[in-house]
């Protein structure tokens, strides 16, 4: 019997105390729902406006982030582990994480709330190993679109999702620039899908390898053109140039600043942190988040959280173990437990971030001048960048050759919601729609089921 029908038939003939117990149960359920709503509402969301990120409170948002991929499949499924790591990241001074691979078919609420509780936002990649755009044999097809959409469906539910990537280091050499139109097509179609579903405008962008032969053509290509629907909403760069005792000029960061001056969308460092020479000093943080670059760059992500074979970790979960005995350890490094800081690297980064709190500009003061003209689209050059930046983008499932010769009549379709087979996963049957067979026991069971669902 439905809740509404049963509760409306309570009379004075019901067993003593039933009405009181039922009232308490209903009140408890309402309290739980209110607490959840308040927790969600308390997290400001991030938007891209002009060349900057802003919170919904109107403050400019600068990233102090960490690459976070404990296991290959999805690090955001173990709530207890996320709580331990979130607390340690709060101590470090982080306000964001980057996750490269997730499973959209499992629940992430516990981990996302654990990070939200300490003010940490998520930038997540939409692709996975089977669905990523390849550099030498690029494609953008229905299977990729469906997979990307499923990740967006899952993470758009969380207010601390700050941005999504359509790719990571797809172009790794100058001669792979032919893959760039597929990256931009993915941006176009994911923006169209997001908007068709009525999701908030979570920024959609790309994380690039730092390839001198692609600089600044790729960043300009993804942000250029007269069609806003095709332009990326942020651009980021994996940079390993500032190593050891270096400087703003000596590292080449001054060139990064030059290339970003006048850029029309937010740009940030999506990986940094040379491991040689030791110790890791993280001196570049003072330039990125300080007076050298904070007027044009929106922050930085340090690689990476967990210690593993590549030796970039800021923390470990204890001594190495035999991976044959503990399969969870993968390469011998435990993937869960109490985070133990790696010295002196963790302390060096914490010390840097403790002194860096750029305030930027208020949205109210910036919005009037937030309209910045896109850069000119790059043209192909012999032996280098091979893409005509003004050529039509490939349609979903279309090859580069046929796209390059397609008519530029503005009628290019956008592989949007009608083509997608994935649907939002945030709905489903709520506890209030379930049938109950008893009065108090049934309602309490519904409460428990709903809380478990949350």
Protein backbone atom coordinates (compact mmCIF):
# COMPACT_ATOMS: atom_id res chain seq x y z
CA UNK A 1 0.00 0.00 0.00
CA UNK A 2 1.33 3.46 -0.84
CA UNK A 3 2.50 5.71 1.97
CA UNK A 4 -0.16 8.37 1.32
CA UNK A 5 -3.02 5.88 1.37
CA UNK A 6 -1.93 4.12 4.56
CA UNK A 7 -1.11 7.18 6.61
CA UNK A 8 -4.45 8.75 5.76
CA UNK A 9 -6.35 5.86 7.36
CA UNK A 10 -4.93 6.09 10.86
CA UNK A 11 -7.75 6.14 13.42
CA UNK A 12 -8.17 6.01 17.15
CA UNK A 13 -8.48 2.24 16.83
CA UNK A 14 -4.85 1.83 15.76
CA UNK A 15 -2.49 0.34 18.35
CA UNK A 16 -1.31 2.81 21.03
CA UNK A 17 1.84 4.73 20.07
CA UNK A 18 1.65 3.99 16.35
CA UNK A 19 0.79 7.54 15.39
CA UNK A 20 3.61 8.90 17.55
CA UNK A 21 6.12 6.46 16.08
CA UNK A 22 4.98 7.28 12.58
CA UNK A 23 5.23 11.02 13.22
CA UNK A 24 8.78 10.59 14.54
CA UNK A 25 9.70 8.54 11.48
CA UNK A 26 8.32 11.12 9.08
CA UNK A 27 10.03 13.95 10.97
CA UNK A 28 13.34 12.07 10.84
CA UNK A 29 13.02 11.55 7.12
CA UNK A 30 12.28 15.22 6.54
CA UNK A 31 15.32 16.14 8.64
CA UNK A 32 17.54 13.84 6.60
CA UNK A 33 16.30 15.32 3.34
CA UNK A 34 16.73 18.87 4.64
CA UNK A 35 20.28 18.15 5.75
CA UNK A 36 21.15 16.76 2.34
CA UNK A 37 19.62 19.75 0.57
CA UNK A 38 21.48 22.18 2.82
CA UNK A 39 24.79 20.38 2.25
CA UNK A 40 24.32 20.53 -1.51
CA UNK A 41 23.21 24.15 -1.48
CA UNK A 42 26.18 25.17 0.65
CA UNK A 43 28.68 24.33 -2.11
CA UNK A 44 29.19 27.21 -4.56
CA UNK A 45 29.40 26.03 -8.17
CA UNK A 46 32.16 26.99 -10.60
CA UNK A 47 31.55 28.72 -13.92
CA UNK A 48 33.79 29.98 -16.70
CA UNK A 49 33.26 33.67 -17.47
CA UNK A 50 35.54 35.22 -20.04
CA UNK A 51 39.09 34.16 -19.24
CA UNK A 52 38.46 33.31 -15.59
CA UNK A 53 36.70 30.88 -13.29
CA UNK A 54 34.23 32.22 -10.74
CA UNK A 55 32.25 30.71 -7.90
CA UNK A 56 28.52 31.32 -7.66
CA UNK A 57 29.40 33.60 -4.73
CA UNK A 58 31.09 35.93 -7.21
CA UNK A 59 34.71 35.19 -6.23
CA UNK A 60 37.41 34.37 -8.75
CA UNK A 61 38.47 30.74 -8.40
CA UNK A 62 42.13 29.73 -8.54
CA UNK A 63 43.00 26.05 -8.66
CA UNK A 64 45.34 24.48 -6.13
CA UNK A 65 44.90 20.92 -7.26
CA UNK A 66 46.25 17.39 -7.04
CA UNK A 67 46.15 14.56 -9.59
CA UNK A 68 44.19 11.79 -7.87
CA UNK A 69 44.01 8.33 -9.46
CA UNK A 70 44.56 5.68 -6.80
CA UNK A 71 43.45 2.81 -9.02
CA UNK A 72 43.11 2.56 -12.81
CA UNK A 73 39.32 2.28 -12.89
CA UNK A 74 37.84 4.78 -10.43
CA UNK A 75 39.21 6.30 -7.18
CA UNK A 76 35.88 7.87 -6.21
CA UNK A 77 34.04 4.77 -5.01
CA UNK A 78 35.51 4.17 -1.54
CA UNK A 79 33.88 6.77 0.72
CA UNK A 80 36.04 6.02 3.76
CA UNK A 81 39.23 6.38 1.73
CA UNK A 82 38.00 9.60 0.18
CA UNK A 83 37.29 11.00 3.65
CA UNK A 84 40.81 10.18 4.81
CA UNK A 85 42.38 11.69 1.72
CA UNK A 86 40.13 14.75 1.73
CA UNK A 87 41.15 15.55 5.30
CA UNK A 88 44.83 15.24 4.39
CA UNK A 89 44.38 17.38 1.28
CA UNK A 90 42.72 20.02 3.41
CA UNK A 91 45.87 20.07 5.52
CA UNK A 92 47.94 20.45 2.35
CA UNK A 93 45.88 23.41 1.18
CA UNK A 94 44.32 21.83 -1.91
CA UNK A 95 40.98 22.95 -3.28
CA UNK A 96 40.69 20.63 -6.31
CA UNK A 97 41.50 17.17 -7.59
CA UNK A 98 41.89 15.84 -11.08
CA UNK A 99 40.65 12.31 -11.84
CA UNK A 100 41.54 10.69 -15.16
CA UNK A 101 39.29 7.62 -15.25
CA UNK A 102 35.93 6.89 -13.62
CA UNK A 103 33.14 4.35 -13.93
CA UNK A 104 29.85 6.19 -14.54
CA UNK A 105 27.81 3.13 -13.57
CA UNK A 106 28.68 3.16 -9.86
CA UNK A 107 27.75 5.57 -7.07
CA UNK A 108 30.06 8.49 -6.27
CA UNK A 109 27.95 10.44 -3.81
CA UNK A 110 29.95 9.51 -0.71
CA UNK A 111 33.29 10.54 -2.18
CA UNK A 112 31.99 13.67 -3.85
CA UNK A 113 30.43 14.84 -0.59
CA UNK A 114 33.59 13.97 1.34
CA UNK A 115 35.57 16.31 -0.89
CA UNK A 116 32.85 18.96 -0.97
CA UNK A 117 32.81 19.03 2.83
CA UNK A 118 36.40 20.35 2.83
CA UNK A 119 36.00 22.67 -0.16
CA UNK A 120 37.59 20.45 -2.80
CA UNK A 121 36.32 20.48 -6.40
CA UNK A 122 36.63 17.87 -9.13
CA UNK A 123 37.96 18.14 -12.68
CA UNK A 124 37.26 14.81 -14.36
CA UNK A 125 38.12 13.31 -17.74
CA UNK A 126 35.18 12.09 -19.80
CA UNK A 127 37.21 9.51 -21.69
CA UNK A 128 38.71 6.19 -20.68
CA UNK A 129 41.34 3.95 -22.25
CA UNK A 130 38.94 2.35 -24.78
CA UNK A 131 37.17 5.63 -25.64
CA UNK A 132 39.97 8.20 -25.77
CA UNK A 133 40.65 10.02 -29.03
CA UNK A 134 43.81 8.52 -30.54
CA UNK A 135 46.60 10.78 -31.85
CA UNK A 136 47.47 8.95 -35.07
CA UNK A 137 44.14 7.30 -35.90
CA UNK A 138 41.69 9.82 -34.46
CA UNK A 139 37.95 9.31 -34.43
CA UNK A 140 34.89 10.83 -32.84
CA UNK A 141 32.05 8.35 -33.09
CA UNK A 142 28.78 7.34 -31.47
CA UNK A 143 30.42 4.91 -29.02
CA UNK A 144 32.74 7.61 -27.75
CA UNK A 145 29.93 10.13 -27.55
CA UNK A 146 27.77 7.73 -25.57
CA UNK A 147 30.59 6.93 -23.14
CA UNK A 148 31.48 10.60 -22.63
CA UNK A 149 27.80 11.44 -22.07
CA UNK A 150 27.46 8.77 -19.39
CA UNK A 151 30.29 10.31 -17.36
CA UNK A 152 28.77 13.77 -17.71
CA UNK A 153 25.36 12.41 -16.69
CA UNK A 154 26.86 11.02 -13.50
CA UNK A 155 29.01 13.94 -12.37
CA UNK A 156 26.78 16.85 -13.33
CA UNK A 157 24.74 15.93 -10.23
CA UNK A 158 27.45 17.18 -7.89
CA UNK A 159 27.93 20.90 -7.24
CA UNK A 160 31.67 20.43 -6.71
CA UNK A 161 32.20 19.16 -10.24
CA UNK A 162 34.17 22.14 -11.55
CA UNK A 163 35.01 21.02 -15.07
CA UNK A 164 35.36 18.11 -17.48
CA UNK A 165 38.04 17.24 -20.02
CA UNK A 166 37.29 15.74 -23.42
CA UNK A 167 40.86 14.51 -23.69
CA UNK A 168 44.30 14.38 -22.13
CA UNK A 169 47.45 14.74 -24.23
CA UNK A 170 45.79 13.49 -27.42
CA UNK A 171 48.33 15.46 -29.45
CA UNK A 172 51.85 14.57 -28.35
CA UNK A 173 53.95 15.73 -31.33
CA UNK A 174 53.54 18.37 -34.01
CA UNK A 175 52.72 15.75 -36.62
CA UNK A 176 49.68 14.57 -34.63
CA UNK A 177 47.91 17.91 -34.98
CA UNK A 178 45.50 16.23 -37.39
CA UNK A 179 43.69 14.90 -34.31
CA UNK A 180 42.80 18.42 -33.13
CA UNK A 181 39.51 18.69 -35.11
CA UNK A 182 38.23 15.56 -33.38
CA UNK A 183 39.01 17.04 -29.97
CA UNK A 184 37.18 20.22 -30.91
CA UNK A 185 34.26 18.21 -32.31
CA UNK A 186 34.03 16.41 -28.97
CA UNK A 187 33.89 19.78 -27.20
CA UNK A 188 31.13 20.93 -29.55
CA UNK A 189 28.99 17.83 -29.09
CA UNK A 190 29.42 17.58 -25.33
CA UNK A 191 28.43 21.23 -24.96
CA UNK A 192 25.35 20.58 -27.09
CA UNK A 193 24.49 17.48 -25.06
CA UNK A 194 24.95 19.29 -21.74
CA UNK A 195 22.70 22.13 -22.83
CA UNK A 196 20.06 19.84 -24.34
CA UNK A 197 19.77 18.01 -21.00
CA UNK A 198 19.34 21.25 -19.08
CA UNK A 199 22.46 20.68 -16.97
CA UNK A 200 24.26 23.61 -15.45
CA UNK A 201 27.06 24.91 -17.65
CA UNK A 202 29.91 22.85 -16.22
CA UNK A 203 32.99 24.09 -18.13
CA UNK A 204 34.16 21.71 -20.86
CA UNK A 205 37.78 21.80 -21.99
CA UNK A 206 40.98 19.97 -22.81
CA UNK A 207 44.29 19.06 -21.14
CA UNK A 208 47.26 19.34 -23.51
CA UNK A 209 50.79 18.00 -23.55
CA UNK A 210 53.36 20.77 -23.52
CA UNK A 211 54.68 20.38 -27.07
CA UNK A 212 56.66 23.41 -28.30
CA UNK A 213 55.74 22.59 -31.91
CA UNK A 214 52.05 22.93 -31.03
CA UNK A 215 52.39 26.15 -29.03
CA UNK A 216 50.32 28.31 -29.23
CA UNK A 217 48.45 26.89 -32.24
CA UNK A 218 46.53 24.21 -30.34
CA UNK A 219 45.35 26.48 -27.54
CA UNK A 220 44.27 29.09 -30.07
CA UNK A 221 42.56 26.51 -32.30
CA UNK A 222 40.37 25.19 -29.48
CA UNK A 223 39.29 28.72 -28.54
CA UNK A 224 38.96 30.30 -31.99
CA UNK A 225 36.12 30.74 -34.46
CA UNK A 226 32.91 32.70 -34.67
CA UNK A 227 30.74 29.85 -33.41
CA UNK A 228 30.60 29.84 -29.63
CA UNK A 229 29.07 26.35 -29.73
CA UNK A 230 32.35 24.95 -31.07
CA UNK A 231 34.82 26.69 -28.77
CA UNK A 232 36.31 25.07 -25.67
CA UNK A 233 35.41 26.67 -22.35
CA UNK A 234 38.86 26.23 -20.83
CA UNK A 235 42.30 25.05 -21.87
CA UNK A 236 44.96 23.48 -19.68
CA UNK A 237 48.54 22.41 -20.11
CA UNK A 238 50.65 19.63 -18.57
CA UNK A 239 53.93 21.44 -17.92
CA UNK A 240 57.20 19.96 -16.65
CA UNK A 241 59.59 22.80 -17.37
CA UNK A 242 60.35 24.31 -13.97
CA UNK A 243 62.69 21.77 -12.42
CA UNK A 244 64.79 22.31 -9.32
CA UNK A 245 66.14 25.80 -8.72
CA UNK A 246 64.73 27.59 -11.75
CA UNK A 247 63.03 30.90 -12.43
CA UNK A 248 60.14 32.53 -14.24
CA UNK A 249 62.34 33.42 -17.20
CA UNK A 250 64.69 30.42 -17.11
CA UNK A 251 61.89 27.87 -17.01
CA UNK A 252 60.08 29.28 -20.01
CA UNK A 253 57.04 30.20 -17.92
CA UNK A 254 57.35 33.76 -19.21
CA UNK A 255 56.51 32.39 -22.66
CA UNK A 256 53.47 30.61 -21.25
CA UNK A 257 52.33 33.92 -19.82
CA UNK A 258 52.93 35.66 -23.14
CA UNK A 259 50.89 33.06 -25.05
CA UNK A 260 47.98 33.40 -22.60
CA UNK A 261 47.83 37.20 -22.60
CA UNK A 262 44.52 38.25 -24.11
CA UNK A 263 43.25 34.65 -24.22
CA UNK A 264 39.47 34.44 -24.21
CA UNK A 265 38.89 31.38 -21.96
CA UNK A 266 40.39 30.23 -18.64
CA UNK A 267 43.78 28.56 -18.88
CA UNK A 268 45.56 26.64 -16.13
CA UNK A 269 48.33 24.11 -15.52
CA UNK A 270 46.73 20.65 -15.37
CA UNK A 271 49.95 18.83 -14.38
CA UNK A 272 53.22 20.05 -12.97
CA UNK A 273 55.92 18.95 -10.54
CA UNK A 274 59.28 17.77 -11.87
CA UNK A 275 60.66 14.86 -9.84
CA UNK A 276 64.30 15.56 -10.73
CA UNK A 277 66.42 17.03 -9.29
CA UNK A 278 65.44 16.17 -5.74
CA UNK A 279 63.98 17.46 -3.56
CA UNK A 280 60.87 18.73 -5.31
CA UNK A 281 60.67 22.41 -4.44
CA UNK A 282 57.54 23.45 -6.35
CA UNK A 283 58.96 26.90 -6.96
CA UNK A 284 56.71 27.37 -9.96
CA UNK A 285 53.68 27.69 -7.69
CA UNK A 286 54.74 31.17 -6.65
CA UNK A 287 54.77 32.30 -10.29
CA UNK A 288 51.55 30.59 -11.36
CA UNK A 289 49.58 31.77 -8.32
CA UNK A 290 51.54 34.97 -7.79
CA UNK A 291 52.14 38.28 -9.49
CA UNK A 292 53.92 36.76 -12.51
CA UNK A 293 50.93 34.85 -13.91
CA UNK A 294 47.82 35.10 -11.72
CA UNK A 295 46.32 37.79 -13.92
CA UNK A 296 46.16 35.39 -16.88
CA UNK A 297 46.40 31.84 -15.49
CA UNK A 298 43.79 30.24 -13.23
CA UNK A 299 45.94 27.96 -11.12
CA UNK A 300 47.68 24.64 -11.12
CA UNK A 301 47.40 20.87 -10.56
CA UNK A 302 50.37 19.06 -9.03
CA UNK A 303 51.15 15.50 -10.09
CA UNK A 304 50.36 13.40 -8.05
CA UNK A 305 48.75 12.27 -4.78
CA UNK A 306 49.77 8.63 -4.36
CA UNK A 307 53.31 7.28 -4.32
CA UNK A 308 53.84 4.59 -6.94
CA UNK A 309 56.56 3.35 -9.30
CA UNK A 310 56.89 6.67 -11.10
CA UNK A 311 57.95 8.31 -7.80
CA UNK A 312 55.78 11.44 -8.03
CA UNK A 313 53.70 10.78 -4.92
CA UNK A 314 53.03 13.27 -2.14
CA UNK A 315 51.70 10.58 0.19
CA UNK A 316 51.90 6.82 0.61
CA UNK A 317 49.63 4.32 2.33
CA UNK A 318 52.39 2.46 4.09
CA UNK A 319 55.39 0.31 3.15
CA UNK A 320 55.51 -1.63 -0.08
CA UNK A 321 54.01 -5.11 -0.15
CA UNK A 322 54.27 -8.14 -2.39
CA UNK A 323 51.69 -7.58 -5.17
CA UNK A 324 51.27 -11.35 -5.43
CA UNK A 325 50.03 -11.39 -1.84
CA UNK A 326 48.06 -8.13 -1.96
CA UNK A 327 46.56 -7.78 -5.43
CA UNK A 328 45.13 -4.40 -4.47
CA UNK A 329 48.69 -3.07 -4.27
CA UNK A 330 49.21 -3.42 -8.05
CA UNK A 331 52.88 -2.44 -8.38
CA UNK A 332 53.63 -3.12 -4.72
CA UNK A 333 52.38 0.24 -3.45
CA UNK A 334 49.23 0.03 -1.29
CA UNK A 335 46.25 1.83 -2.79
CA UNK A 336 44.32 2.55 0.38
CA UNK A 337 44.86 3.26 4.05
CA UNK A 338 45.95 6.18 6.19
CA UNK A 339 47.86 8.73 4.09
CA UNK A 340 51.45 9.21 5.23
CA UNK A 341 53.21 12.27 3.85
CA UNK A 342 56.29 11.89 1.66
CA UNK A 343 59.04 14.10 3.03
CA UNK A 344 60.15 16.71 2.15
CA UNK A 345 57.96 16.97 -0.98
CA UNK A 346 54.62 17.24 0.81
CA UNK A 347 55.93 19.85 3.23
CA UNK A 348 57.54 21.85 0.43
CA UNK A 349 54.27 22.09 -1.50
CA UNK A 350 52.28 22.87 1.64
CA UNK A 351 54.67 25.71 2.45
CA UNK A 352 54.34 27.15 -1.04
CA UNK A 353 50.56 27.07 -1.05
CA UNK A 354 50.32 28.52 2.45
CA UNK A 355 51.75 31.81 1.16
CA UNK A 356 49.70 31.95 -2.06
CA UNK A 357 46.08 33.09 -1.94
CA UNK A 358 45.39 35.24 -4.99
CA UNK A 359 42.09 37.08 -4.69
CA UNK A 360 41.74 38.05 -8.33
CA UNK A 361 38.72 40.10 -9.28
CA UNK A 362 35.08 39.99 -8.24
CA UNK A 363 32.62 38.80 -10.86
CA UNK A 364 30.58 41.97 -10.41
CA UNK A 365 33.62 44.05 -11.37
CA UNK A 366 34.71 41.75 -14.18
CA UNK A 367 31.53 40.79 -16.01
CA UNK A 368 31.24 44.11 -17.79
CA UNK A 369 34.55 43.44 -19.56
CA UNK A 370 34.28 39.65 -19.77
CA UNK A 371 33.66 39.54 -23.52
CA UNK A 372 37.06 38.88 -25.07
CA UNK A 373 37.51 38.32 -28.78
CA UNK A 374 38.64 34.80 -29.74
CA UNK A 375 42.13 34.43 -31.15
CA UNK A 376 42.63 34.06 -34.89
CA UNK A 377 42.38 30.44 -36.02
CA UNK A 378 45.80 29.03 -36.92
CA UNK A 379 46.56 28.09 -40.51
CA UNK A 380 48.47 25.03 -41.63
CA UNK A 381 52.22 25.31 -41.98
CA UNK A 382 54.58 22.99 -43.82
CA UNK A 383 56.29 20.54 -41.47
CA UNK A 384 54.31 21.72 -38.44
CA UNK A 385 50.70 22.46 -37.61
CA UNK A 386 48.70 20.83 -40.41
CA UNK A 387 45.13 21.88 -39.60
CA UNK A 388 43.28 24.67 -41.32
CA UNK A 389 41.69 26.27 -38.30
CA UNK A 390 38.76 27.60 -40.30
CA UNK A 391 37.77 24.26 -41.87
CA UNK A 392 34.50 22.65 -40.76
CA UNK A 393 34.76 20.20 -37.89
CA UNK A 394 34.04 16.51 -38.48
CA UNK A 395 30.52 15.38 -37.78
CA UNK A 396 29.94 12.49 -35.44
CA UNK A 397 31.44 9.45 -37.16
CA UNK A 398 32.93 11.46 -40.02
CA UNK A 399 36.56 11.13 -41.16
CA UNK A 400 38.95 14.06 -41.36
CA UNK A 401 39.37 13.83 -45.13
CA UNK A 402 35.66 14.15 -45.85
CA UNK A 403 35.28 16.83 -43.20
CA UNK A 404 38.07 18.88 -44.70
CA UNK A 405 36.28 19.00 -48.05
CA UNK A 406 32.76 19.48 -46.64
CA UNK A 407 30.79 22.59 -47.46
CA UNK A 408 31.22 25.31 -44.89
CA UNK A 409 27.57 26.34 -44.94
CA UNK A 410 27.05 26.36 -41.21
CA UNK A 411 24.80 23.32 -41.35
CA UNK A 412 27.15 20.90 -39.65
CA UNK A 413 25.11 18.77 -37.22
CA UNK A 414 26.22 18.49 -33.66
CA UNK A 415 25.75 14.92 -32.47
CA UNK A 416 23.62 16.18 -29.62
CA UNK A 417 21.00 14.69 -27.37
CA UNK A 418 18.82 12.97 -30.00
CA UNK A 419 21.79 10.83 -31.06
CA UNK A 420 22.78 9.86 -27.55
CA UNK A 421 21.75 6.52 -26.16
CA UNK A 422 23.03 7.32 -22.66
CA UNK A 423 20.62 9.04 -20.30
CA UNK A 424 21.00 10.76 -16.98
CA UNK A 425 21.61 8.39 -14.13
CA UNK A 426 20.62 10.79 -11.40
CA UNK A 427 16.93 9.92 -11.54
CA UNK A 428 15.50 6.55 -10.76
CA UNK A 429 12.75 5.51 -8.34
CA UNK A 430 12.78 7.37 -5.06
CA UNK A 431 11.90 5.85 -1.75
CA UNK A 432 8.58 7.70 -1.69
CA UNK A 433 7.33 5.66 -4.65
CA UNK A 434 7.92 2.27 -3.09
CA UNK A 435 5.12 0.12 -1.74
CA UNK A 436 5.02 -0.83 1.95
CA UNK A 437 3.22 -3.62 3.65
CA UNK A 438 3.34 -2.40 7.21
CA UNK A 439 2.85 1.02 8.73
CA UNK A 440 5.76 2.05 10.97
CA UNK A 441 8.12 -0.77 9.97
CA UNK A 442 7.45 -0.13 6.31
CA UNK A 443 8.10 3.59 6.55
CA UNK A 444 11.30 3.08 8.49
CA UNK A 445 12.41 0.65 5.81
CA UNK A 446 11.75 3.27 3.17
CA UNK A 447 13.75 5.78 5.16
CA UNK A 448 16.66 3.42 5.41
CA UNK A 449 16.47 2.60 1.73
CA UNK A 450 16.41 6.26 0.76
CA UNK A 451 19.36 7.15 2.97
CA UNK A 452 21.28 4.20 1.54
CA UNK A 453 20.46 5.42 -1.97
CA UNK A 454 21.87 8.84 -1.05
